[in-house]
Amino acid sequence: MSGPYPIPTGSQINQFEKLGHPGRYFDAVSINNTTLELTGSNYGYGAILVGESSAVGTVILSGGGSVNLAHLTVGQIYEISPRSVTVNAKTVYVFKRQQ
């Protein structure tokens, strides 16, 4: 056992379920050469990061409007509310936020 909380085994609730996820984001998806809809089971993604320069694509925002991926800085996390992300030939990451 390490730390103040025991490591669960078997059917016990895991630490993440019991204590919550640490940090601002707890899931990430990489997108390349596709469109990802961020509704339904993909709901909750609230940040985006362009992983490679010259990314071509568009982020459609949940409240309307869009952002051209080519106008975003590589390596910077943008806390926006995407409804869908379309990417051609480069990698973009979306992160699911704590709520």
PDB file of N, CA and C in Angstrom:
ATOM      1  N   MET A   1       0.855  -1.161   0.000  1.00  0.00           N
ATOM      2  CA  MET A   1       0.000   0.000   0.000  1.00  0.00           C
ATOM      3  C   MET A   1       0.904   1.228   0.000  1.00  0.00           C
ATOM      4  N   SER A   2       0.602   2.170  -0.883  1.00  0.00           N
ATOM      5  CA  SER A   2       1.374   3.407  -0.903  1.00  0.00           C
ATOM      6  C   SER A   2       0.414   4.579  -0.811  1.00  0.00           C
ATOM      7  N   GLY A   3       0.810   5.637  -0.156  1.00  0.00           N
ATOM      8  CA  GLY A   3      -0.035   6.809  -0.017  1.00  0.00           C
ATOM      9  C   GLY A   3      -1.131   6.593   1.014  1.00  0.00           C
ATOM     10  N   PRO A   4      -1.986   7.590   1.201  1.00  0.00           N
ATOM     11  CA  PRO A   4      -3.010   7.515   2.241  1.00  0.00           C
ATOM     12  C   PRO A   4      -4.223   6.656   1.877  1.00  0.00           C
ATOM     13  N   TYR A   5      -4.353   6.260   0.617  1.00  0.00           N
ATOM     14  CA  TYR A   5      -5.513   5.496   0.194  1.00  0.00           C
ATOM     15  C   TYR A   5      -5.087   4.128  -0.303  1.00  0.00           C
ATOM     16  N   PRO A   6      -5.774   3.091   0.130  1.00  0.00           N
ATOM     17  CA  PRO A   6      -5.409   1.745  -0.337  1.00  0.00           C
ATOM     18  C   PRO A   6      -5.731   1.576  -1.818  1.00  0.00           C
ATOM     19  N   ILE A   7      -4.961   0.750  -2.474  1.00  0.00           N
ATOM     20  CA  ILE A   7      -5.223   0.435  -3.878  1.00  0.00           C
ATOM     21  C   ILE A   7      -6.347  -0.589  -3.917  1.00  0.00           C
ATOM     22  N   PRO A   8      -7.477  -0.253  -4.551  1.00  0.00           N
ATOM     23  CA  PRO A   8      -8.618  -1.167  -4.569  1.00  0.00           C
ATOM     24  C   PRO A   8      -8.335  -2.427  -5.376  1.00  0.00           C
ATOM     25  N   THR A   9      -8.982  -3.485  -4.996  1.00  0.00           N
ATOM     26  CA  THR A   9      -8.872  -4.737  -5.735  1.00  0.00           C
ATOM     27  C   THR A   9     -10.268  -5.279  -5.983  1.00  0.00           C
ATOM     28  N   GLY A  10     -10.390  -6.168  -6.947  1.00  0.00           N
ATOM     29  CA  GLY A  10     -11.657  -6.828  -7.231  1.00  0.00           C
ATOM     30  C   GLY A  10     -12.767  -5.851  -7.549  1.00  0.00           C
ATOM     31  N   SER A  11     -13.873  -5.971  -6.824  1.00  0.00           N
ATOM     32  CA  SER A  11     -15.047  -5.159  -7.127  1.00  0.00           C
ATOM     33  C   SER A  11     -15.061  -3.831  -6.367  1.00  0.00           C
ATOM     34  N   GLN A  12     -14.019  -3.539  -5.620  1.00  0.00           N
ATOM     35  CA  GLN A  12     -13.983  -2.276  -4.887  1.00  0.00           C
ATOM     36  C   GLN A  12     -13.993  -1.100  -5.856  1.00  0.00           C
ATOM     37  N   ILE A  13     -14.532   0.019  -5.407  1.00  0.00           N
ATOM     38  CA  ILE A  13     -14.538   1.242  -6.213  1.00  0.00           C
ATOM     39  C   ILE A  13     -13.092   1.711  -6.366  1.00  0.00           C
ATOM     40  N   ASN A  14     -12.710   2.083  -7.596  1.00  0.00           N
ATOM     41  CA  ASN A  14     -11.334   2.535  -7.776  1.00  0.00           C
ATOM     42  C   ASN A  14     -11.174   3.967  -7.262  1.00  0.00           C
ATOM     43  N   GLN A  15      -9.945   4.385  -7.075  1.00  0.00           N
ATOM     44  CA  GLN A  15      -9.660   5.705  -6.508  1.00  0.00           C
ATOM     45  C   GLN A  15     -10.258   6.832  -7.335  1.00  0.00           C
ATOM     46  N   PHE A  16     -10.281   6.703  -8.644  1.00  0.00           N
ATOM     47  CA  PHE A  16     -10.818   7.753  -9.493  1.00  0.00           C
ATOM     48  C   PHE A  16     -12.325   7.907  -9.282  1.00  0.00           C
ATOM     49  N   GLU A  17     -13.028   6.776  -9.111  1.00  0.00           N
ATOM     50  CA  GLU A  17     -14.458   6.844  -8.848  1.00  0.00           C
ATOM     51  C   GLU A  17     -14.743   7.387  -7.451  1.00  0.00           C
ATOM     52  N   LYS A  18     -13.902   7.026  -6.498  1.00  0.00           N
ATOM     53  CA  LYS A  18     -14.113   7.424  -5.107  1.00  0.00           C
ATOM     54  C   LYS A  18     -13.706   8.876  -4.861  1.00  0.00           C
ATOM     55  N   LEU A  19     -12.554   9.271  -5.372  1.00  0.00           N
ATOM     56  CA  LEU A  19     -11.990  10.582  -5.058  1.00  0.00           C
ATOM     57  C   LEU A  19     -12.123  11.589  -6.184  1.00  0.00           C
ATOM     58  N   GLY A  20     -12.449  11.118  -7.377  1.00  0.00           N
ATOM     59  CA  GLY A  20     -12.517  11.995  -8.544  1.00  0.00           C
ATOM     60  C   GLY A  20     -11.209  11.986  -9.307  1.00  0.00           C
ATOM     61  N   HIS A  21     -11.250  12.520 -10.497  1.00  0.00           N
ATOM     62  CA  HIS A  21     -10.064  12.590 -11.342  1.00  0.00           C
ATOM     63  C   HIS A  21      -9.264  13.836 -10.985  1.00  0.00           C
ATOM     64  N   PRO A  22      -7.968  13.710 -10.768  1.00  0.00           N
ATOM     65  CA  PRO A  22      -7.156  14.897 -10.521  1.00  0.00           C
ATOM     66  C   PRO A  22      -6.894  15.631 -11.839  1.00  0.00           C
ATOM     67  N   GLY A  23      -6.602  16.880 -11.749  1.00  0.00           N
ATOM     68  CA  GLY A  23      -6.285  17.640 -12.954  1.00  0.00           C
ATOM     69  C   GLY A  23      -7.511  18.217 -13.636  1.00  0.00           C
ATOM     70  N   ARG A  24      -7.271  19.035 -14.622  1.00  0.00           N
ATOM     71  CA  ARG A  24      -8.338  19.727 -15.347  1.00  0.00           C
ATOM     72  C   ARG A  24      -8.992  18.838 -16.403  1.00  0.00           C
ATOM     73  N   TYR A  25      -8.213  17.938 -17.008  1.00  0.00           N
ATOM     74  CA  TYR A  25      -8.719  17.066 -18.076  1.00  0.00           C
ATOM     75  C   TYR A  25      -8.518  15.619 -17.662  1.00  0.00           C
ATOM     76  N   PHE A  26      -9.432  14.726 -18.100  1.00  0.00           N
ATOM     77  CA  PHE A  26      -9.282  13.330 -17.711  1.00  0.00           C
ATOM     78  C   PHE A  26      -9.405  12.360 -18.876  1.00  0.00           C
ATOM     79  N   ASP A  27      -9.533  12.879 -20.095  1.00  0.00           N
ATOM     80  CA  ASP A  27      -9.582  12.006 -21.265  1.00  0.00           C
ATOM     81  C   ASP A  27      -9.107  12.809 -22.469  1.00  0.00           C
ATOM     82  N   ALA A  28      -8.520  12.140 -23.425  1.00  0.00           N
ATOM     83  CA  ALA A  28      -8.045  12.801 -24.641  1.00  0.00           C
ATOM     84  C   ALA A  28      -8.294  11.885 -25.831  1.00  0.00           C
ATOM     85  N   VAL A  29      -8.575  12.511 -26.968  1.00  0.00           N
ATOM     86  CA  VAL A  29      -8.755  11.787 -28.223  1.00  0.00           C
ATOM     87  C   VAL A  29      -7.908  12.490 -29.277  1.00  0.00           C
ATOM     88  N   SER A  30      -7.173  11.717 -30.070  1.00  0.00           N
ATOM     89  CA  SER A  30      -6.444  12.306 -31.192  1.00  0.00           C
ATOM     90  C   SER A  30      -7.273  12.132 -32.453  1.00  0.00           C
ATOM     91  N   ILE A  31      -7.254  13.172 -33.275  1.00  0.00           N
ATOM     92  CA  ILE A  31      -8.038  13.188 -34.511  1.00  0.00           C
ATOM     93  C   ILE A  31      -7.080  13.430 -35.666  1.00  0.00           C
ATOM     94  N   ASN A  32      -7.181  12.633 -36.727  1.00  0.00           N
ATOM     95  CA  ASN A  32      -6.328  12.780 -37.903  1.00  0.00           C
ATOM     96  C   ASN A  32      -7.083  12.224 -39.106  1.00  0.00           C
ATOM     97  N   ASN A  33      -7.245  13.048 -40.130  1.00  0.00           N
ATOM     98  CA  ASN A  33      -7.922  12.629 -41.373  1.00  0.00           C
ATOM     99  C   ASN A  33      -9.355  12.148 -41.159  1.00  0.00           C
ATOM    100  N   THR A  34     -10.088  12.831 -40.300  1.00  0.00           N
ATOM    101  CA  THR A  34     -11.472  12.441 -40.049  1.00  0.00           C
ATOM    102  C   THR A  34     -12.241  13.599 -39.430  1.00  0.00           C
ATOM    103  N   THR A  35     -13.523  13.389 -39.244  1.00  0.00           N
ATOM    104  CA  THR A  35     -14.376  14.314 -38.497  1.00  0.00           C
ATOM    105  C   THR A  35     -14.862  13.590 -37.259  1.00  0.00           C
ATOM    106  N   LEU A  36     -14.737  14.232 -36.116  1.00  0.00           N
ATOM    107  CA  LEU A  36     -15.220  13.670 -34.859  1.00  0.00           C
ATOM    108  C   LEU A  36     -16.342  14.548 -34.341  1.00  0.00           C
ATOM    109  N   GLU A  37     -17.516  13.947 -34.161  1.00  0.00           N
ATOM    110  CA  GLU A  37     -18.660  14.640 -33.571  1.00  0.00           C
ATOM    111  C   GLU A  37     -18.537  14.535 -32.056  1.00  0.00           C
ATOM    112  N   LEU A  38     -18.649  15.649 -31.370  1.00  0.00           N
ATOM    113  CA  LEU A  38     -18.451  15.676 -29.926  1.00  0.00           C
ATOM    114  C   LEU A  38     -19.780  15.883 -29.196  1.00  0.00           C
ATOM    115  N   THR A  39     -20.747  15.064 -29.584  1.00  0.00           N
ATOM    116  CA  THR A  39     -22.057  15.060 -28.960  1.00  0.00           C
ATOM    117  C   THR A  39     -22.350  13.630 -28.519  1.00  0.00           C
ATOM    118  N   GLY A  40     -23.456  13.420 -27.859  1.00  0.00           N
ATOM    119  CA  GLY A  40     -23.819  12.065 -27.426  1.00  0.00           C
ATOM    120  C   GLY A  40     -22.772  11.490 -26.497  1.00  0.00           C
ATOM    121  N   SER A  41     -22.269  10.312 -26.809  1.00  0.00           N
ATOM    122  CA  SER A  41     -21.281   9.662 -25.938  1.00  0.00           C
ATOM    123  C   SER A  41     -19.939  10.393 -25.935  1.00  0.00           C
ATOM    124  N   ASN A  42     -19.724  11.287 -26.888  1.00  0.00           N
ATOM    125  CA  ASN A  42     -18.488  12.084 -26.923  1.00  0.00           C
ATOM    126  C   ASN A  42     -18.661  13.453 -26.278  1.00  0.00           C
ATOM    127  N   TYR A  43     -19.774  13.681 -25.569  1.00  0.00           N
ATOM    128  CA  TYR A  43     -20.026  14.972 -24.940  1.00  0.00           C
ATOM    129  C   TYR A  43     -19.020  15.231 -23.814  1.00  0.00           C
ATOM    130  N   GLY A  44     -18.625  16.470 -23.642  1.00  0.00           N
ATOM    131  CA  GLY A  44     -17.798  16.865 -22.505  1.00  0.00           C
ATOM    132  C   GLY A  44     -16.399  17.325 -22.866  1.00  0.00           C
ATOM    133  N   TYR A  45     -16.041  17.258 -24.134  1.00  0.00           N
ATOM    134  CA  TYR A  45     -14.717  17.726 -24.538  1.00  0.00           C
ATOM    135  C   TYR A  45     -14.741  19.244 -24.588  1.00  0.00           C
ATOM    136  N   GLY A  46     -13.812  19.878 -23.856  1.00  0.00           N
ATOM    137  CA  GLY A  46     -13.847  21.323 -23.714  1.00  0.00           C
ATOM    138  C   GLY A  46     -12.515  21.991 -23.941  1.00  0.00           C
ATOM    139  N   ALA A  47     -11.616  21.341 -24.662  1.00  0.00           N
ATOM    140  CA  ALA A  47     -10.334  21.953 -24.985  1.00  0.00           C
ATOM    141  C   ALA A  47      -9.759  21.257 -26.211  1.00  0.00           C
ATOM    142  N   ILE A  48      -8.913  21.985 -26.928  1.00  0.00           N
ATOM    143  CA  ILE A  48      -8.319  21.449 -28.161  1.00  0.00           C
ATOM    144  C   ILE A  48      -6.862  21.887 -28.237  1.00  0.00           C
ATOM    145  N   LEU A  49      -6.036  21.028 -28.813  1.00  0.00           N
ATOM    146  CA  LEU A  49      -4.624  21.322 -29.013  1.00  0.00           C
ATOM    147  C   LEU A  49      -4.227  20.848 -30.402  1.00  0.00           C
ATOM    148  N   VAL A  50      -3.642  21.726 -31.187  1.00  0.00           N
ATOM    149  CA  VAL A  50      -3.116  21.358 -32.510  1.00  0.00           C
ATOM    150  C   VAL A  50      -1.739  20.764 -32.286  1.00  0.00           C
ATOM    151  N   GLY A  51      -1.549  19.516 -32.705  1.00  0.00           N
ATOM    152  CA  GLY A  51      -0.309  18.805 -32.425  1.00  0.00           C
ATOM    153  C   GLY A  51       0.772  18.969 -33.477  1.00  0.00           C
ATOM    154  N   GLU A  52       0.414  19.407 -34.674  1.00  0.00           N
ATOM    155  CA  GLU A  52       1.392  19.534 -35.755  1.00  0.00           C
ATOM    156  C   GLU A  52       1.138  20.823 -36.524  1.00  0.00           C
ATOM    157  N   SER A  53       2.213  21.395 -37.039  1.00  0.00           N
ATOM    158  CA  SER A  53       2.048  22.623 -37.820  1.00  0.00           C
ATOM    159  C   SER A  53       1.337  22.332 -39.136  1.00  0.00           C
ATOM    160  N   SER A  54       0.790  23.351 -39.716  1.00  0.00           N
ATOM    161  CA  SER A  54       0.064  23.274 -40.986  1.00  0.00           C
ATOM    162  C   SER A  54      -1.174  22.390 -40.924  1.00  0.00           C
ATOM    163  N   ALA A  55      -1.786  22.301 -39.742  1.00  0.00           N
ATOM    164  CA  ALA A  55      -3.018  21.525 -39.622  1.00  0.00           C
ATOM    165  C   ALA A  55      -4.103  22.189 -40.456  1.00  0.00           C
ATOM    166  N   VAL A  56      -4.819  21.376 -41.203  1.00  0.00           N
ATOM    167  CA  VAL A  56      -5.909  21.869 -42.040  1.00  0.00           C
ATOM    168  C   VAL A  56      -7.205  21.285 -41.490  1.00  0.00           C
ATOM    169  N   GLY A  57      -8.149  22.140 -41.184  1.00  0.00           N
ATOM    170  CA  GLY A  57      -9.428  21.655 -40.683  1.00  0.00           C
ATOM    171  C   GLY A  57     -10.188  22.755 -39.989  1.00  0.00           C
ATOM    172  N   THR A  58     -11.294  22.353 -39.376  1.00  0.00           N
ATOM    173  CA  THR A  58     -12.206  23.309 -38.764  1.00  0.00           C
ATOM    174  C   THR A  58     -12.771  22.752 -37.474  1.00  0.00           C
ATOM    175  N   VAL A  59     -12.939  23.625 -36.505  1.00  0.00           N
ATOM    176  CA  VAL A  59     -13.647  23.307 -35.270  1.00  0.00           C
ATOM    177  C   VAL A  59     -14.990  24.029 -35.337  1.00  0.00           C
ATOM    178  N   ILE A  60     -16.062  23.290 -35.239  1.00  0.00           N
ATOM    179  CA  ILE A  60     -17.395  23.888 -35.153  1.00  0.00           C
ATOM    180  C   ILE A  60     -17.719  23.975 -33.661  1.00  0.00           C
ATOM    181  N   LEU A  61     -18.064  25.167 -33.190  1.00  0.00           N
ATOM    182  CA  LEU A  61     -18.308  25.387 -31.770  1.00  0.00           C
ATOM    183  C   LEU A  61     -19.744  25.046 -31.389  1.00  0.00           C
ATOM    184  N   SER A  62     -19.931  24.625 -30.149  1.00  0.00           N
ATOM    185  CA  SER A  62     -21.248  24.166 -29.696  1.00  0.00           C
ATOM    186  C   SER A  62     -22.296  25.276 -29.715  1.00  0.00           C
ATOM    187  N   GLY A  63     -21.895  26.525 -29.559  1.00  0.00           N
ATOM    188  CA  GLY A  63     -22.841  27.627 -29.574  1.00  0.00           C
ATOM    189  C   GLY A  63     -22.970  28.303 -30.921  1.00  0.00           C
ATOM    190  N   GLY A  64     -22.277  27.774 -31.926  1.00  0.00           N
ATOM    191  CA  GLY A  64     -22.277  28.366 -33.259  1.00  0.00           C
ATOM    192  C   GLY A  64     -20.913  28.928 -33.595  1.00  0.00           C
ATOM    193  N   GLY A  65     -20.669  29.140 -34.827  1.00  0.00           N
ATOM    194  CA  GLY A  65     -19.382  29.656 -35.282  1.00  0.00           C
ATOM    195  C   GLY A  65     -18.369  28.549 -35.493  1.00  0.00           C
ATOM    196  N   SER A  66     -17.236  28.935 -36.029  1.00  0.00           N
ATOM    197  CA  SER A  66     -16.182  27.960 -36.319  1.00  0.00           C
ATOM    198  C   SER A  66     -14.816  28.608 -36.182  1.00  0.00           C
ATOM    199  N   VAL A  67     -13.805  27.752 -36.052  1.00  0.00           N
ATOM    200  CA  VAL A  67     -12.418  28.192 -35.942  1.00  0.00           C
ATOM    201  C   VAL A  67     -11.598  27.402 -36.951  1.00  0.00           C
ATOM    202  N   ASN A  68     -10.797  28.094 -37.734  1.00  0.00           N
ATOM    203  CA  ASN A  68      -9.892  27.468 -38.692  1.00  0.00           C
ATOM    204  C   ASN A  68      -8.666  26.970 -37.924  1.00  0.00           C
ATOM    205  N   LEU A  69      -8.367  25.677 -37.996  1.00  0.00           N
ATOM    206  CA  LEU A  69      -7.238  25.107 -37.259  1.00  0.00           C
ATOM    207  C   LEU A  69      -5.903  25.750 -37.637  1.00  0.00           C
ATOM    208  N   ALA A  70      -5.781  26.211 -38.876  1.00  0.00           N
ATOM    209  CA  ALA A  70      -4.530  26.825 -39.325  1.00  0.00           C
ATOM    210  C   ALA A  70      -4.230  28.112 -38.565  1.00  0.00           C
ATOM    211  N   HIS A  71      -5.235  28.687 -37.907  1.00  0.00           N
ATOM    212  CA  HIS A  71      -5.043  29.930 -37.169  1.00  0.00           C
ATOM    213  C   HIS A  71      -4.693  29.706 -35.705  1.00  0.00           C
ATOM    214  N   LEU A  72      -4.608  28.450 -35.273  1.00  0.00           N
ATOM    215  CA  LEU A  72      -4.267  28.134 -33.889  1.00  0.00           C
ATOM    216  C   LEU A  72      -2.787  27.808 -33.764  1.00  0.00           C
ATOM    217  N   THR A  73      -2.203  28.155 -32.632  1.00  0.00           N
ATOM    218  CA  THR A  73      -0.782  27.912 -32.370  1.00  0.00           C
ATOM    219  C   THR A  73      -0.561  26.461 -31.952  1.00  0.00           C
ATOM    220  N   VAL A  74       0.416  25.807 -32.579  1.00  0.00           N
ATOM    221  CA  VAL A  74       0.757  24.421 -32.253  1.00  0.00           C
ATOM    222  C   VAL A  74       1.217  24.340 -30.798  1.00  0.00           C
ATOM    223  N   GLY A  75       0.704  23.352 -30.078  1.00  0.00           N
ATOM    224  CA  GLY A  75       1.132  23.103 -28.709  1.00  0.00           C
ATOM    225  C   GLY A  75       0.405  23.907 -27.641  1.00  0.00           C
ATOM    226  N   GLN A  76      -0.479  24.777 -28.021  1.00  0.00           N
ATOM    227  CA  GLN A  76      -1.230  25.577 -27.054  1.00  0.00           C
ATOM    228  C   GLN A  76      -2.625  24.989 -26.880  1.00  0.00           C
ATOM    229  N   ILE A  77      -3.055  24.841 -25.628  1.00  0.00           N
ATOM    230  CA  ILE A  77      -4.396  24.343 -25.357  1.00  0.00           C
ATOM    231  C   ILE A  77      -5.372  25.509 -25.403  1.00  0.00           C
ATOM    232  N   TYR A  78      -6.426  25.329 -26.187  1.00  0.00           N
ATOM    233  CA  TYR A  78      -7.488  26.319 -26.295  1.00  0.00           C
ATOM    234  C   TYR A  78      -8.726  25.757 -25.606  1.00  0.00           C
ATOM    235  N   GLU A  79      -9.194  26.431 -24.591  1.00  0.00           N
ATOM    236  CA  GLU A  79     -10.373  25.982 -23.861  1.00  0.00           C
ATOM    237  C   GLU A  79     -11.613  26.536 -24.551  1.00  0.00           C
ATOM    238  N   ILE A  80     -12.114  25.736 -25.474  1.00  0.00           N
ATOM    239  CA  ILE A  80     -13.298  26.090 -26.242  1.00  0.00           C
ATOM    240  C   ILE A  80     -14.277  24.921 -26.158  1.00  0.00           C
ATOM    241  N   SER A  81     -15.482  25.125 -26.639  1.00  0.00           N
ATOM    242  CA  SER A  81     -16.505  24.091 -26.575  1.00  0.00           C
ATOM    243  C   SER A  81     -16.808  23.577 -27.984  1.00  0.00           C
ATOM    244  N   PRO A  82     -16.057  22.567 -28.436  1.00  0.00           N
ATOM    245  CA  PRO A  82     -16.268  22.069 -29.797  1.00  0.00           C
ATOM    246  C   PRO A  82     -17.481  21.153 -29.902  1.00  0.00           C
ATOM    247  N   ARG A  83     -18.236  21.314 -30.999  1.00  0.00           N
ATOM    248  CA  ARG A  83     -19.321  20.389 -31.326  1.00  0.00           C
ATOM    249  C   ARG A  83     -18.805  19.310 -32.269  1.00  0.00           C
ATOM    250  N   SER A  84     -17.894  19.709 -33.174  1.00  0.00           N
ATOM    251  CA  SER A  84     -17.249  18.745 -34.066  1.00  0.00           C
ATOM    252  C   SER A  84     -15.896  19.306 -34.498  1.00  0.00           C
ATOM    253  N   VAL A  85     -14.999  18.390 -34.844  1.00  0.00           N
ATOM    254  CA  VAL A  85     -13.666  18.768 -35.314  1.00  0.00           C
ATOM    255  C   VAL A  85     -13.387  17.963 -36.572  1.00  0.00           C
ATOM    256  N   THR A  86     -12.993  18.666 -37.631  1.00  0.00           N
ATOM    257  CA  THR A  86     -12.598  18.028 -38.885  1.00  0.00           C
ATOM    258  C   THR A  86     -11.135  18.336 -39.115  1.00  0.00           C
ATOM    259  N   VAL A  87     -10.340  17.289 -39.345  1.00  0.00           N
ATOM    260  CA  VAL A  87      -8.896  17.448 -39.522  1.00  0.00           C
ATOM    261  C   VAL A  87      -8.457  16.678 -40.756  1.00  0.00           C
ATOM    262  N   ASN A  88      -7.588  17.295 -41.555  1.00  0.00           N
ATOM    263  CA  ASN A  88      -7.014  16.651 -42.735  1.00  0.00           C
ATOM    264  C   ASN A  88      -5.505  16.605 -42.604  1.00  0.00           C
ATOM    265  N   ALA A  89      -4.938  15.423 -42.538  1.00  0.00           N
ATOM    266  CA  ALA A  89      -3.505  15.154 -42.675  1.00  0.00           C
ATOM    267  C   ALA A  89      -2.620  15.545 -41.498  1.00  0.00           C
ATOM    268  N   LYS A  90      -3.140  16.069 -40.434  1.00  0.00           N
ATOM    269  CA  LYS A  90      -2.336  16.389 -39.254  1.00  0.00           C
ATOM    270  C   LYS A  90      -3.099  15.930 -38.020  1.00  0.00           C
ATOM    271  N   THR A  91      -2.431  15.923 -36.869  1.00  0.00           N
ATOM    272  CA  THR A  91      -3.063  15.457 -35.643  1.00  0.00           C
ATOM    273  C   THR A  91      -3.493  16.617 -34.760  1.00  0.00           C
ATOM    274  N   VAL A  92      -4.721  16.502 -34.267  1.00  0.00           N
ATOM    275  CA  VAL A  92      -5.289  17.462 -33.326  1.00  0.00           C
ATOM    276  C   VAL A  92      -5.814  16.640 -32.148  1.00  0.00           C
ATOM    277  N   TYR A  93      -5.695  17.177 -30.941  1.00  0.00           N
ATOM    278  CA  TYR A  93      -6.167  16.489 -29.744  1.00  0.00           C
ATOM    279  C   TYR A  93      -7.314  17.285 -29.127  1.00  0.00           C
ATOM    280  N   VAL A  94      -8.330  16.573 -28.654  1.00  0.00           N
ATOM    281  CA  VAL A  94      -9.386  17.194 -27.860  1.00  0.00           C
ATOM    282  C   VAL A  94      -9.346  16.560 -26.480  1.00  0.00           C
ATOM    283  N   PHE A  95      -9.615  17.365 -25.474  1.00  0.00           N
ATOM    284  CA  PHE A  95      -9.517  16.940 -24.086  1.00  0.00           C
ATOM    285  C   PHE A  95     -10.867  17.060 -23.398  1.00  0.00           C
ATOM    286  N   LYS A  96     -11.223  16.036 -22.617  1.00  0.00           N
ATOM    287  CA  LYS A  96     -12.463  16.067 -21.854  1.00  0.00           C
ATOM    288  C   LYS A  96     -12.166  16.713 -20.513  1.00  0.00           C
ATOM    289  N   ARG A  97     -12.978  17.719 -20.198  1.00  0.00           N
ATOM    290  CA  ARG A  97     -12.792  18.510 -18.974  1.00  0.00           C
ATOM    291  C   ARG A  97     -13.507  17.913 -17.780  1.00  0.00           C
ATOM    292  N   GLN A  98     -12.960  18.208 -16.606  1.00  0.00           N
ATOM    293  CA  GLN A  98     -13.691  17.970 -15.370  1.00  0.00           C
ATOM    294  C   GLN A  98     -14.904  18.874 -15.372  1.00  0.00           C
ATOM    295  N   GLN A  99     -16.006  18.438 -14.868  1.00  0.00           N
ATOM    296  CA  GLN A  99     -17.204  19.303 -14.803  1.00  0.00           C
ATOM    297  C   GLN A  99     -17.523  19.653 -13.375  1.00  0.00           C
TER     298      GLN A  99
END
